Amino acid sequence: MSEPVRIQPEDFSQDEEIAALKASSTRMGGIATFLGCARDFSAGHSVSEISFEAYGSMALSEMRTLREEAIARFGLLDARIVHRVTTVKAGDNIVFIAAGAEHRAAAFDACRWMIDELKQRVPIWKKEITPQGDAWVTPHP
């Protein structure tokens, strides 16, 4: 079974992540997920690729802390966070977050909170490659 919090260059399987989450508790009654994908248009420009870089150990540590906070704050049974650090094309997966709880409300609330917090707190940077040139994107939308 893979680690519940990861930074990796390769793609991930949503099915495998959800199966791992479900395997952690038979009390789980609701799972909310967020899948972030690369798009081909941003801020009025075509985007051919997006490159992600991270401050590795610090980013992973902050993601683990974020997961622990979400579990405590929302009473989750388990949570998973996976973020890719590589160059992706339109349609490719970037980030996956899953929150598992006894009831759906906590799962939905925690999932949204985790992606919002990840974008604010975790040192992962995004560079858009466009026909007009490359540009680092800040702040996180």
C-alpha atoms as a PDB file:
ATOM      1  CA  MET A   1       0.000   0.000   0.000  1.00  0.00           C
ATOM      2  CA  SER A   2       1.407   3.384  -0.982  1.00  0.00           C
ATOM      3  CA  GLU A   3       1.990   6.250   1.406  1.00  0.00           C
ATOM      4  CA  PRO A   4      -1.102   8.436   1.970  1.00  0.00           C
ATOM      5  CA  VAL A   5       0.860  11.630   1.190  1.00  0.00           C
ATOM      6  CA  ARG A   6       3.190  11.727  -1.797  1.00  0.00           C
ATOM      7  CA  ILE A   7       4.984  13.989  -4.252  1.00  0.00           C
ATOM      8  CA  GLN A   8       5.907  12.134  -7.420  1.00  0.00           C
ATOM      9  CA  PRO A   9       6.646  12.711 -11.109  1.00  0.00           C
ATOM     10  CA  GLU A  10       4.525   9.814 -12.369  1.00  0.00           C
ATOM     11  CA  ASP A  11       0.761   9.771 -12.791  1.00  0.00           C
ATOM     12  CA  PHE A  12      -1.467   8.238 -10.114  1.00  0.00           C
ATOM     13  CA  SER A  13      -4.548   6.040 -10.197  1.00  0.00           C
ATOM     14  CA  GLN A  14      -7.665   7.528  -8.611  1.00  0.00           C
ATOM     15  CA  ASP A  15      -9.074   4.007  -8.256  1.00  0.00           C
ATOM     16  CA  GLU A  16      -5.994   2.811  -6.347  1.00  0.00           C
ATOM     17  CA  GLU A  17      -6.032   5.873  -4.087  1.00  0.00           C
ATOM     18  CA  ILE A  18      -9.730   5.418  -3.275  1.00  0.00           C
ATOM     19  CA  ALA A  19      -9.254   1.674  -2.684  1.00  0.00           C
ATOM     20  CA  ALA A  20      -6.416   2.431  -0.244  1.00  0.00           C
ATOM     21  CA  LEU A  21      -8.583   4.999   1.541  1.00  0.00           C
ATOM     22  CA  LYS A  22     -11.531   2.583   1.827  1.00  0.00           C
ATOM     23  CA  ALA A  23      -9.222  -0.175   3.114  1.00  0.00           C
ATOM     24  CA  SER A  24      -8.322   1.979   6.119  1.00  0.00           C
ATOM     25  CA  SER A  25     -11.780   1.772   7.740  1.00  0.00           C
ATOM     26  CA  THR A  26     -15.086  -0.044   7.281  1.00  0.00           C
ATOM     27  CA  ARG A  27     -16.811   2.844   9.109  1.00  0.00           C
ATOM     28  CA  MET A  28     -16.285   5.065   6.066  1.00  0.00           C
ATOM     29  CA  GLY A  29     -19.647   6.182   4.718  1.00  0.00           C
ATOM     30  CA  GLY A  30     -18.570   9.049   2.490  1.00  0.00           C
ATOM     31  CA  ILE A  31     -15.540   9.851   0.351  1.00  0.00           C
ATOM     32  CA  ALA A  32     -15.051  13.211  -1.332  1.00  0.00           C
ATOM     33  CA  THR A  33     -12.324  13.661  -3.919  1.00  0.00           C
ATOM     34  CA  PHE A  34     -10.695  16.482  -5.812  1.00  0.00           C
ATOM     35  CA  LEU A  35      -8.775  15.904  -9.023  1.00  0.00           C
ATOM     36  CA  GLY A  36      -6.767  18.810 -10.393  1.00  0.00           C
ATOM     37  CA  CYS A  37      -6.017  18.603 -14.130  1.00  0.00           C
ATOM     38  CA  ALA A  38      -3.916  20.710 -16.468  1.00  0.00           C
ATOM     39  CA  ARG A  39      -5.847  22.983 -18.800  1.00  0.00           C
ATOM     40  CA  ASP A  40      -4.731  24.470 -22.111  1.00  0.00           C
ATOM     41  CA  PHE A  41      -5.796  28.050 -21.423  1.00  0.00           C
ATOM     42  CA  SER A  42      -5.023  30.449 -18.566  1.00  0.00           C
ATOM     43  CA  ALA A  43      -5.210  34.208 -18.054  1.00  0.00           C
ATOM     44  CA  GLY A  44      -6.134  34.830 -21.690  1.00  0.00           C
ATOM     45  CA  HIS A  45      -3.296  32.729 -23.159  1.00  0.00           C
ATOM     46  CA  SER A  46      -2.944  29.279 -24.659  1.00  0.00           C
ATOM     47  CA  VAL A  47      -0.856  26.982 -22.477  1.00  0.00           C
ATOM     48  CA  SER A  48       1.100  24.150 -24.088  1.00  0.00           C
ATOM     49  CA  GLU A  49       2.588  22.672 -20.893  1.00  0.00           C
ATOM     50  CA  ILE A  50       2.760  23.302 -17.166  1.00  0.00           C
ATOM     51  CA  SER A  51       5.864  22.552 -15.150  1.00  0.00           C
ATOM     52  CA  PHE A  52       5.665  21.916 -11.393  1.00  0.00           C
ATOM     53  CA  GLU A  53       8.576  22.206  -8.978  1.00  0.00           C
ATOM     54  CA  ALA A  54       8.610  21.698  -5.217  1.00  0.00           C
ATOM     55  CA  TYR A  55      10.812  22.354  -2.255  1.00  0.00           C
ATOM     56  CA  GLY A  56      10.795  18.560  -1.771  1.00  0.00           C
ATOM     57  CA  SER A  57      11.222  17.767   1.926  1.00  0.00           C
ATOM     58  CA  MET A  58       9.487  20.940   3.082  1.00  0.00           C
ATOM     59  CA  ALA A  59       6.557  20.413   0.696  1.00  0.00           C
ATOM     60  CA  LEU A  60       6.111  16.801   1.784  1.00  0.00           C
ATOM     61  CA  SER A  61       6.322  17.731   5.469  1.00  0.00           C
ATOM     62  CA  GLU A  62       3.700  20.465   5.039  1.00  0.00           C
ATOM     63  CA  MET A  63       1.409  18.097   3.103  1.00  0.00           C
ATOM     64  CA  ARG A  64       1.668  15.530   5.912  1.00  0.00           C
ATOM     65  CA  THR A  65       0.851  18.218   8.487  1.00  0.00           C
ATOM     66  CA  LEU A  66      -2.078  19.373   6.375  1.00  0.00           C
ATOM     67  CA  ARG A  67      -3.450  15.797   6.234  1.00  0.00           C
ATOM     68  CA  GLU A  68      -3.134  15.376  10.001  1.00  0.00           C
ATOM     69  CA  GLU A  69      -4.864  18.727  10.592  1.00  0.00           C
ATOM     70  CA  ALA A  70      -7.729  17.776   8.260  1.00  0.00           C
ATOM     71  CA  ILE A  71      -8.226  14.432  10.013  1.00  0.00           C
ATOM     72  CA  ALA A  72      -8.378  16.151  13.413  1.00  0.00           C
ATOM     73  CA  ARG A  73     -10.381  19.216  12.328  1.00  0.00           C
ATOM     74  CA  PHE A  74     -13.087  17.369  10.356  1.00  0.00           C
ATOM     75  CA  GLY A  75     -13.118  14.042  12.206  1.00  0.00           C
ATOM     76  CA  LEU A  76     -11.975  12.123   9.135  1.00  0.00           C
ATOM     77  CA  LEU A  77     -11.242   8.424   9.198  1.00  0.00           C
ATOM     78  CA  ASP A  78      -8.465   8.882   6.622  1.00  0.00           C
ATOM     79  CA  ALA A  79      -7.219  11.200   3.882  1.00  0.00           C
ATOM     80  CA  ARG A  80      -4.847  11.036   0.928  1.00  0.00           C
ATOM     81  CA  ILE A  81      -2.918  13.734  -0.947  1.00  0.00           C
ATOM     82  CA  VAL A  82      -0.846  13.137  -4.082  1.00  0.00           C
ATOM     83  CA  HIS A  83       0.805  15.922  -6.104  1.00  0.00           C
ATOM     84  CA  ARG A  84       2.858  15.479  -9.239  1.00  0.00           C
ATOM     85  CA  VAL A  85       6.100  17.384  -9.767  1.00  0.00           C
ATOM     86  CA  THR A  86       6.896  17.168 -13.458  1.00  0.00           C
ATOM     87  CA  THR A  87       5.873  18.779 -16.745  1.00  0.00           C
ATOM     88  CA  VAL A  88       2.307  18.020 -17.815  1.00  0.00           C
ATOM     89  CA  LYS A  89       0.185  18.665 -20.897  1.00  0.00           C
ATOM     90  CA  ALA A  90      -3.494  19.671 -21.084  1.00  0.00           C
ATOM     91  CA  GLY A  91      -5.714  16.979 -19.627  1.00  0.00           C
ATOM     92  CA  ASP A  92      -2.995  15.396 -17.490  1.00  0.00           C
ATOM     93  CA  ASN A  93      -3.551  14.805 -13.771  1.00  0.00           C
ATOM     94  CA  ILE A  94      -1.769  17.130 -11.343  1.00  0.00           C
ATOM     95  CA  VAL A  95      -3.138  16.667  -7.833  1.00  0.00           C
ATOM     96  CA  PHE A  96      -5.482  14.229  -6.090  1.00  0.00           C
ATOM     97  CA  ILE A  97      -7.076  14.711  -2.689  1.00  0.00           C
ATOM     98  CA  ALA A  98      -9.458  12.307  -0.986  1.00  0.00           C
ATOM     99  CA  ALA A  99     -11.197  12.665   2.364  1.00  0.00           C
ATOM    100  CA  GLY A 100     -12.967   9.713   3.975  1.00  0.00           C
ATOM    101  CA  ALA A 101     -15.427  10.173   6.827  1.00  0.00           C
ATOM    102  CA  GLU A 102     -18.398   8.477   8.415  1.00  0.00           C
ATOM    103  CA  HIS A 103     -20.688  11.018   6.741  1.00  0.00           C
ATOM    104  CA  ARG A 104     -20.550  13.026   3.491  1.00  0.00           C
ATOM    105  CA  ALA A 105     -20.613  16.532   4.980  1.00  0.00           C
ATOM    106  CA  ALA A 106     -17.286  16.123   6.775  1.00  0.00           C
ATOM    107  CA  ALA A 107     -15.738  14.501   3.686  1.00  0.00           C
ATOM    108  CA  PHE A 108     -16.854  17.364   1.396  1.00  0.00           C
ATOM    109  CA  ASP A 109     -15.774  20.084   3.818  1.00  0.00           C
ATOM    110  CA  ALA A 110     -12.379  18.489   4.458  1.00  0.00           C
ATOM    111  CA  CYS A 111     -11.660  17.887   0.778  1.00  0.00           C
ATOM    112  CA  ARG A 112     -12.254  21.532  -0.130  1.00  0.00           C
ATOM    113  CA  TRP A 113     -10.280  22.741   2.887  1.00  0.00           C
ATOM    114  CA  MET A 114      -7.303  20.506   1.987  1.00  0.00           C
ATOM    115  CA  ILE A 115      -6.972  21.718  -1.611  1.00  0.00           C
ATOM    116  CA  ASP A 116      -7.387  25.358  -0.554  1.00  0.00           C
ATOM    117  CA  GLU A 117      -4.762  24.967   2.192  1.00  0.00           C
ATOM    118  CA  LEU A 118      -2.390  23.031  -0.076  1.00  0.00           C
ATOM    119  CA  LYS A 119      -2.429  25.865  -2.632  1.00  0.00           C
ATOM    120  CA  GLN A 120      -1.702  28.448   0.079  1.00  0.00           C
ATOM    121  CA  ARG A 121       0.783  26.596   2.276  1.00  0.00           C
ATOM    122  CA  VAL A 122       2.708  23.977   0.333  1.00  0.00           C
ATOM    123  CA  PRO A 123       5.853  25.156  -1.533  1.00  0.00           C
ATOM    124  CA  ILE A 124       4.976  23.814  -4.979  1.00  0.00           C
ATOM    125  CA  TRP A 125       5.375  26.238  -7.869  1.00  0.00           C
ATOM    126  CA  LYS A 126       3.739  26.215 -11.289  1.00  0.00           C
ATOM    127  CA  LYS A 127       5.300  27.525 -14.514  1.00  0.00           C
ATOM    128  CA  GLU A 128       3.096  27.845 -17.577  1.00  0.00           C
ATOM    129  CA  ILE A 129       4.755  27.338 -20.949  1.00  0.00           C
ATOM    130  CA  THR A 130       2.931  29.428 -23.565  1.00  0.00           C
ATOM    131  CA  PRO A 131       3.560  30.606 -27.140  1.00  0.00           C
ATOM    132  CA  GLN A 132       4.357  34.033 -25.587  1.00  0.00           C
ATOM    133  CA  GLY A 133       6.971  32.537 -23.251  1.00  0.00           C
ATOM    134  CA  ASP A 134       7.243  30.859 -19.860  1.00  0.00           C
ATOM    135  CA  ALA A 135       5.799  32.418 -16.697  1.00  0.00           C
ATOM    136  CA  TRP A 136       5.717  31.371 -13.044  1.00  0.00           C
ATOM    137  CA  VAL A 137       2.153  31.556 -11.754  1.00  0.00           C
ATOM    138  CA  THR A 138       1.417  33.415  -8.512  1.00  0.00           C
ATOM    139  CA  PRO A 139      -0.645  33.546  -6.437  1.00  0.00           C
ATOM    140  CA  HIS A 140      -2.508  30.270  -6.452  1.00  0.00           C
ATOM    141  CA  PRO A 141      -6.098  30.614  -7.682  1.00  0.00           C
END
